PDB file of N, CA and C in Angstrom:
ATOM      1  N   MET A   1     -25.333   2.063 -30.649  1.00  0.00           N
ATOM      2  CA  MET A   1     -25.331   0.852 -30.401  1.00  0.00           C
ATOM      3  C   MET A   1     -24.119  -0.259 -30.820  1.00  0.00           C
ATOM      4  N   ILE A   2     -23.543  -0.600 -29.590  1.00  0.00           N
ATOM      5  CA  ILE A   2     -22.113  -1.559 -29.870  1.00  0.00           C
ATOM      6  C   ILE A   2     -22.474  -3.339 -29.466  1.00  0.00           C
ATOM      7  N   PHE A   3     -22.521  -3.902 -30.312  1.00  0.00           N
ATOM      8  CA  PHE A   3     -22.839  -5.285 -29.922  1.00  0.00           C
ATOM      9  C   PHE A   3     -24.664  -5.016 -29.042  1.00  0.00           C
ATOM     10  N   GLY A   4     -24.801  -4.526 -29.379  1.00  0.00           N
ATOM     11  CA  GLY A   4     -26.734  -4.705 -28.796  1.00  0.00           C
ATOM     12  C   GLY A   4     -26.832  -3.378 -27.479  1.00  0.00           C
ATOM     13  N   PHE A   5     -25.585  -2.790 -27.456  1.00  0.00           N
ATOM     14  CA  PHE A   5     -25.688  -2.139 -26.167  1.00  0.00           C
ATOM     15  C   PHE A   5     -25.947  -0.628 -26.605  1.00  0.00           C
ATOM     16  N   THR A   6     -26.473   0.186 -25.731  1.00  0.00           N
ATOM     17  CA  THR A   6     -26.084   1.555 -25.750  1.00  0.00           C
ATOM     18  C   THR A   6     -24.790   2.152 -25.338  1.00  0.00           C
ATOM     19  N   GLU A   7     -24.278   3.154 -25.501  1.00  0.00           N
ATOM     20  CA  GLU A   7     -23.445   4.017 -25.151  1.00  0.00           C
ATOM     21  C   GLU A   7     -23.485   3.890 -23.502  1.00  0.00           C
ATOM     22  N   GLN A   8     -24.798   4.446 -23.086  1.00  0.00           N
ATOM     23  CA  GLN A   8     -25.052   4.699 -21.552  1.00  0.00           C
ATOM     24  C   GLN A   8     -24.894   3.091 -20.927  1.00  0.00           C
ATOM     25  N   GLN A   9     -25.256   2.154 -21.384  1.00  0.00           N
ATOM     26  CA  GLN A   9     -24.828   0.508 -21.040  1.00  0.00           C
ATOM     27  C   GLN A   9     -23.820   0.287 -20.246  1.00  0.00           C
ATOM     28  N   ILE A  10     -22.820   0.941 -21.497  1.00  0.00           N
ATOM     29  CA  ILE A  10     -21.482   0.239 -21.722  1.00  0.00           C
ATOM     30  C   ILE A  10     -20.880   1.185 -20.905  1.00  0.00           C
ATOM     31  N   SER A  11     -20.889   2.474 -20.566  1.00  0.00           N
ATOM     32  CA  SER A  11     -20.093   3.449 -19.535  1.00  0.00           C
ATOM     33  C   SER A  11     -20.687   3.323 -18.142  1.00  0.00           C
ATOM     34  N   GLU A  12     -21.952   2.352 -17.365  1.00  0.00           N
ATOM     35  CA  GLU A  12     -22.400   2.286 -16.391  1.00  0.00           C
ATOM     36  C   GLU A  12     -21.555   0.904 -16.069  1.00  0.00           C
ATOM     37  N   PHE A  13     -22.089   0.135 -17.162  1.00  0.00           N
ATOM     38  CA  PHE A  13     -20.941  -0.986 -16.429  1.00  0.00           C
ATOM     39  C   PHE A  13     -19.820  -1.146 -16.404  1.00  0.00           C
ATOM     40  N   PHE A  14     -18.478  -0.315 -16.891  1.00  0.00           N
ATOM     41  CA  PHE A  14     -17.516  -0.591 -16.687  1.00  0.00           C
ATOM     42  C   PHE A  14     -17.328   1.032 -15.487  1.00  0.00           C
ATOM     43  N   LEU A  15     -17.866   1.830 -15.810  1.00  0.00           N
ATOM     44  CA  LEU A  15     -17.692   2.596 -14.194  1.00  0.00           C
ATOM     45  C   LEU A  15     -17.702   1.957 -13.177  1.00  0.00           C
ATOM     46  N   THR A  16     -18.905   1.199 -12.971  1.00  0.00           N
ATOM     47  CA  THR A  16     -18.740   0.081 -11.844  1.00  0.00           C
ATOM     48  C   THR A  16     -18.374  -0.739 -11.413  1.00  0.00           C
ATOM     49  N   TYR A  17     -18.383  -1.712 -12.480  1.00  0.00           N
ATOM     50  CA  TYR A  17     -17.731  -3.113 -12.516  1.00  0.00           C
ATOM     51  C   TYR A  17     -15.886  -2.711 -12.705  1.00  0.00           C
ATOM     52  N   GLY A  18     -15.722  -2.092 -13.649  1.00  0.00           N
ATOM     53  CA  GLY A  18     -13.870  -1.751 -14.322  1.00  0.00           C
ATOM     54  C   GLY A  18     -13.644  -1.008 -13.258  1.00  0.00           C
ATOM     55  N   VAL A  19     -13.851   0.346 -12.947  1.00  0.00           N
ATOM     56  CA  VAL A  19     -13.599   0.726 -11.333  1.00  0.00           C
ATOM     57  C   VAL A  19     -13.889  -0.105 -10.208  1.00  0.00           C
ATOM     58  N   GLY A  20     -14.630  -1.171  -9.923  1.00  0.00           N
ATOM     59  CA  GLY A  20     -13.915  -1.767  -8.644  1.00  0.00           C
ATOM     60  C   GLY A  20     -13.121  -2.750  -8.736  1.00  0.00           C
ATOM     61  N   ALA A  21     -13.215  -3.107 -10.208  1.00  0.00           N
ATOM     62  CA  ALA A  21     -12.123  -4.104 -10.461  1.00  0.00           C
ATOM     63  C   ALA A  21     -10.445  -3.659 -10.132  1.00  0.00           C
ATOM     64  N   PHE A  22     -10.412  -2.467 -10.755  1.00  0.00           N
ATOM     65  CA  PHE A  22      -9.047  -1.502 -10.376  1.00  0.00           C
ATOM     66  C   PHE A  22      -9.104  -1.325  -9.267  1.00  0.00           C
ATOM     67  N   ILE A  23      -9.940  -0.540  -8.184  1.00  0.00           N
ATOM     68  CA  ILE A  23      -9.898  -0.396  -7.010  1.00  0.00           C
ATOM     69  C   ILE A  23      -8.650  -1.680  -6.472  1.00  0.00           C
ATOM     70  N   LEU A  24      -9.516  -3.317  -6.865  1.00  0.00           N
ATOM     71  CA  LEU A  24      -9.016  -4.440  -5.733  1.00  0.00           C
ATOM     72  C   LEU A  24      -7.715  -4.564  -6.181  1.00  0.00           C
ATOM     73  N   PHE A  25      -7.278  -4.561  -7.923  1.00  0.00           N
ATOM     74  CA  PHE A  25      -6.155  -4.592  -8.297  1.00  0.00           C
ATOM     75  C   PHE A  25      -4.925  -3.776  -7.291  1.00  0.00           C
ATOM     76  N   MET A  26      -6.154  -2.203  -7.142  1.00  0.00           N
ATOM     77  CA  MET A  26      -4.679  -1.241  -6.797  1.00  0.00           C
ATOM     78  C   MET A  26      -4.798  -1.162  -5.058  1.00  0.00           C
ATOM     79  N   LEU A  27      -5.829  -2.056  -4.264  1.00  0.00           N
ATOM     80  CA  LEU A  27      -5.533  -2.905  -3.056  1.00  0.00           C
ATOM     81  C   LEU A  27      -4.059  -3.729  -3.082  1.00  0.00           C
ATOM     82  N   PHE A  28      -4.573  -4.898  -4.244  1.00  0.00           N
ATOM     83  CA  PHE A  28      -3.126  -5.906  -4.502  1.00  0.00           C
ATOM     84  C   PHE A  28      -1.890  -5.622  -4.329  1.00  0.00           C
ATOM     85  N   ILE A  29      -2.090  -3.892  -5.299  1.00  0.00           N
ATOM     86  CA  ILE A  29      -0.527  -3.857  -5.478  1.00  0.00           C
ATOM     87  C   ILE A  29       0.175  -3.077  -4.077  1.00  0.00           C
ATOM     88  N   ILE A  30      -0.948  -2.576  -3.329  1.00  0.00           N
ATOM     89  CA  ILE A  30      -0.703  -1.356  -2.126  1.00  0.00           C
ATOM     90  C   ILE A  30      -0.044  -2.460  -0.732  1.00  0.00           C
ATOM     91  N   GLY A  31      -0.569  -3.903  -1.269  1.00  0.00           N
ATOM     92  CA  GLY A  31      -0.430  -5.370  -0.157  1.00  0.00           C
ATOM     93  C   GLY A  31       0.899  -5.834  -0.686  1.00  0.00           C
ATOM     94  N   HIS A  32       1.145  -5.571  -1.577  1.00  0.00           N
ATOM     95  CA  HIS A  32       2.354  -5.978  -2.402  1.00  0.00           C
ATOM     96  C   HIS A  32       3.833  -5.457  -1.921  1.00  0.00           C
ATOM     97  N   LEU A  33       2.969  -4.282  -2.515  1.00  0.00           N
ATOM     98  CA  LEU A  33       4.285  -2.922  -1.828  1.00  0.00           C
ATOM     99  C   LEU A  33       4.865  -3.281  -0.456  1.00  0.00           C
ATOM    100  N   ALA A  34       3.449  -3.494   0.229  1.00  0.00           N
ATOM    101  CA  ALA A  34       4.364  -3.131   1.475  1.00  0.00           C
ATOM    102  C   ALA A  34       4.840  -4.567   2.441  1.00  0.00           C
ATOM    103  N   TRP A  35       4.417  -5.712   1.719  1.00  0.00           N
ATOM    104  CA  TRP A  35       5.584  -6.722   2.469  1.00  0.00           C
ATOM    105  C   TRP A  35       6.509  -6.887   1.326  1.00  0.00           C
ATOM    106  N   GLN A  36       6.521  -6.417   0.503  1.00  0.00           N
ATOM    107  CA  GLN A  36       8.475  -6.412  -0.211  1.00  0.00           C
ATOM    108  C   GLN A  36       8.946  -5.440   0.562  1.00  0.00           C
ATOM    109  N   SER A  37       8.595  -4.333   1.126  1.00  0.00           N
ATOM    110  CA  SER A  37       9.261  -3.735   1.352  1.00  0.00           C
ATOM    111  C   SER A  37       9.435  -3.831   3.627  1.00  0.00           C
ATOM    112  N   LYS A  38       8.772  -5.096   3.654  1.00  0.00           N
ATOM    113  CA  LYS A  38       8.920  -5.264   4.910  1.00  0.00           C
ATOM    114  C   LYS A  38       8.499  -4.067   5.740  1.00  0.00           C
ATOM    115  N   ALA A  39       7.302  -3.906   5.921  1.00  0.00           N
ATOM    116  CA  ALA A  39       6.737  -2.745   6.260  1.00  0.00           C
ATOM    117  C   ALA A  39       6.247  -2.654   8.042  1.00  0.00           C
ATOM    118  N   GLY A  40       5.665  -3.829   8.121  1.00  0.00           N
ATOM    119  CA  GLY A  40       5.752  -4.087   9.524  1.00  0.00           C
ATOM    120  C   GLY A  40       3.882  -3.720   9.576  1.00  0.00           C
ATOM    121  N   LYS A  41       3.221  -4.207  10.889  1.00  0.00           N
ATOM    122  CA  LYS A  41       1.633  -4.134  10.378  1.00  0.00           C
ATOM    123  C   LYS A  41       1.250  -2.618  10.965  1.00  0.00           C
ATOM    124  N   PHE A  42       2.238  -1.428  11.282  1.00  0.00           N
ATOM    125  CA  PHE A  42       2.260  -0.362  11.561  1.00  0.00           C
ATOM    126  C   PHE A  42       2.225   0.423  10.150  1.00  0.00           C
ATOM    127  N   GLY A  43       3.076   0.047   9.663  1.00  0.00           N
ATOM    128  CA  GLY A  43       3.648   0.772   8.014  1.00  0.00           C
ATOM    129  C   GLY A  43       2.452   0.248   7.335  1.00  0.00           C
ATOM    130  N   THR A  44       1.997  -0.970   7.237  1.00  0.00           N
ATOM    131  CA  THR A  44       0.690  -1.464   6.203  1.00  0.00           C
ATOM    132  C   THR A  44       0.094  -0.902   6.843  1.00  0.00           C
ATOM    133  N   PHE A  45      -0.416  -0.512   7.763  1.00  0.00           N
ATOM    134  CA  PHE A  45      -1.614   0.130   8.305  1.00  0.00           C
ATOM    135  C   PHE A  45      -1.790   1.881   7.400  1.00  0.00           C
ATOM    136  N   VAL A  46      -0.261   2.506   7.790  1.00  0.00           N
ATOM    137  CA  VAL A  46      -0.244   3.759   7.173  1.00  0.00           C
ATOM    138  C   VAL A  46      -0.035   3.847   5.325  1.00  0.00           C
ATOM    139  N   LEU A  47       0.549   2.607   5.203  1.00  0.00           N
ATOM    140  CA  LEU A  47       0.076   2.467   3.496  1.00  0.00           C
ATOM    141  C   LEU A  47      -1.308   2.413   2.735  1.00  0.00           C
ATOM    142  N   PHE A  48      -1.645   1.496   3.744  1.00  0.00           N
ATOM    143  CA  PHE A  48      -3.493   1.574   3.109  1.00  0.00           C
ATOM    144  C   PHE A  48      -3.561   2.752   3.362  1.00  0.00           C
ATOM    145  N   LEU A  49      -3.478   3.545   4.780  1.00  0.00           N
ATOM    146  CA  LEU A  49      -4.753   4.693   5.023  1.00  0.00           C
ATOM    147  C   LEU A  49      -3.944   5.722   3.629  1.00  0.00           C
ATOM    148  N   GLY A  50      -2.974   6.001   3.274  1.00  0.00           N
ATOM    149  CA  GLY A  50      -2.403   6.951   2.729  1.00  0.00           C
ATOM    150  C   GLY A  50      -2.738   7.102   1.164  1.00  0.00           C
ATOM    151  N   LEU A  51      -2.798   5.472   0.873  1.00  0.00           N
ATOM    152  CA  LEU A  51      -2.737   5.584  -0.831  1.00  0.00           C
ATOM    153  C   LEU A  51      -4.416   5.001  -0.995  1.00  0.00           C
ATOM    154  N   ALA A  52      -5.074   4.397  -0.012  1.00  0.00           N
ATOM    155  CA  ALA A  52      -6.665   3.785  -0.369  1.00  0.00           C
ATOM    156  C   ALA A  52      -7.856   4.628   0.248  1.00  0.00           C
ATOM    157  N   VAL A  53      -7.092   5.980   0.387  1.00  0.00           N
ATOM    158  CA  VAL A  53      -8.200   7.169   0.896  1.00  0.00           C
ATOM    159  C   VAL A  53      -8.962   7.158   0.013  1.00  0.00           C
ATOM    160  N   GLY A  54      -8.263   7.638  -1.341  1.00  0.00           N
ATOM    161  CA  GLY A  54      -9.376   8.053  -2.400  1.00  0.00           C
ATOM    162  C   GLY A  54     -10.651   7.078  -2.791  1.00  0.00           C
ATOM    163  N   PHE A  55     -10.433   5.476  -2.026  1.00  0.00           N
ATOM    164  CA  PHE A  55     -11.312   5.033  -2.765  1.00  0.00           C
ATOM    165  C   PHE A  55     -12.509   5.168  -2.042  1.00  0.00           C
ATOM    166  N   VAL A  56     -12.492   5.855  -0.931  1.00  0.00           N
ATOM    167  CA  VAL A  56     -13.674   5.615  -0.195  1.00  0.00           C
ATOM    168  C   VAL A  56     -14.641   6.678  -0.727  1.00  0.00           C
ATOM    169  N   GLY A  57     -13.934   7.787  -1.327  1.00  0.00           N
ATOM    170  CA  GLY A  57     -15.095   8.322  -2.358  1.00  0.00           C
ATOM    171  C   GLY A  57     -15.881   7.808  -3.001  1.00  0.00           C
ATOM    172  N   PHE A  58     -15.472   6.709  -3.991  1.00  0.00           N
ATOM    173  CA  PHE A  58     -16.111   5.792  -4.816  1.00  0.00           C
ATOM    174  C   PHE A  58     -16.908   5.129  -4.148  1.00  0.00           C
ATOM    175  N   LEU A  59     -16.665   4.695  -3.248  1.00  0.00           N
ATOM    176  CA  LEU A  59     -17.143   3.527  -2.227  1.00  0.00           C
ATOM    177  C   LEU A  59     -18.168   4.557  -1.381  1.00  0.00           C
ATOM    178  N   ALA A  60     -18.519   5.671  -1.122  1.00  0.00           N
ATOM    179  CA  ALA A  60     -19.369   6.365  -0.646  1.00  0.00           C
ATOM    180  C   ALA A  60     -20.191   6.944  -1.902  1.00  0.00           C
ATOM    181  N   LYS A  61     -19.741   7.034  -3.335  1.00  0.00           N
ATOM    182  CA  LYS A  61     -20.854   6.945  -4.187  1.00  0.00           C
ATOM    183  C   LYS A  61     -22.158   6.213  -4.529  1.00  0.00           C
ATOM    184  N   VAL A  62     -21.102   4.874  -4.305  1.00  0.00           N
ATOM    185  CA  VAL A  62     -22.198   3.216  -4.665  1.00  0.00           C
ATOM    186  C   VAL A  62     -23.052   3.487  -3.709  1.00  0.00           C
ATOM    187  N   VAL A  63     -22.679   3.374  -2.417  1.00  0.00           N
ATOM    188  CA  VAL A  63     -23.581   3.330  -1.366  1.00  0.00           C
ATOM    189  C   VAL A  63     -24.343   4.381  -1.129  1.00  0.00           C
ATOM    190  N   ILE A  64     -24.380   5.243  -1.247  1.00  0.00           N
ATOM    191  CA  ILE A  64     -25.477   6.860  -1.492  1.00  0.00           C
ATOM    192  C   ILE A  64     -26.468   6.672  -3.081  1.00  0.00           C
ATOM    193  N   GLN A  65     -25.803   6.469  -4.154  1.00  0.00           N
ATOM    194  CA  GLN A  65     -26.356   5.546  -5.182  1.00  0.00           C
ATOM    195  C   GLN A  65     -27.587   4.383  -4.996  1.00  0.00           C
ATOM    196  N   TRP A  66     -27.089   3.693  -4.272  1.00  0.00           N
ATOM    197  CA  TRP A  66     -27.998   2.529  -4.174  1.00  0.00           C
ATOM    198  C   TRP A  66     -29.139   2.923  -2.415  1.00  0.00           C
ATOM    199  N   TYR A  67     -28.838   4.320  -1.981  1.00  0.00           N
ATOM    200  CA  TYR A  67     -29.369   4.170  -0.493  1.00  0.00           C
ATOM    201  C   TYR A  67     -30.692   4.956  -1.318  1.00  0.00           C
ATOM    202  N   LEU A  68     -29.943   5.917  -2.020  1.00  0.00           N
ATOM    203  CA  LEU A  68     -31.108   6.936  -2.872  1.00  0.00           C
ATOM    204  C   LEU A  68     -32.222   6.184  -3.816  1.00  0.00           C
ATOM    205  N   GLU A  69     -31.648   4.823  -4.340  1.00  0.00           N
ATOM    206  CA  GLU A  69     -32.587   4.326  -5.701  1.00  0.00           C
ATOM    207  C   GLU A  69     -33.843   3.566  -4.546  1.00  0.00           C
ATOM    208  N   LYS A  70     -33.223   3.400  -3.258  1.00  0.00           N
ATOM    209  CA  LYS A  70     -33.637   2.683  -2.739  1.00  0.00           C
ATOM    210  C   LYS A  70     -35.136   2.904  -1.924  1.00  0.00           C
TER     211      LYS A  70
END
């Protein structure tokens, strides 16, 4: 028990909200990279498509868990 929370509760919190916050931060970094490089609309789309496609798996996991628990 750490601060009244079990290890499972702490892990669940950070795997949900911590990774979600990290994904938002990474999207900000990709957008900033596109802006700094003056990539244009198509270049920005390609950057987001190529660098952010891995986030789809995490988001799909959250949606699937929500659907199964419902």
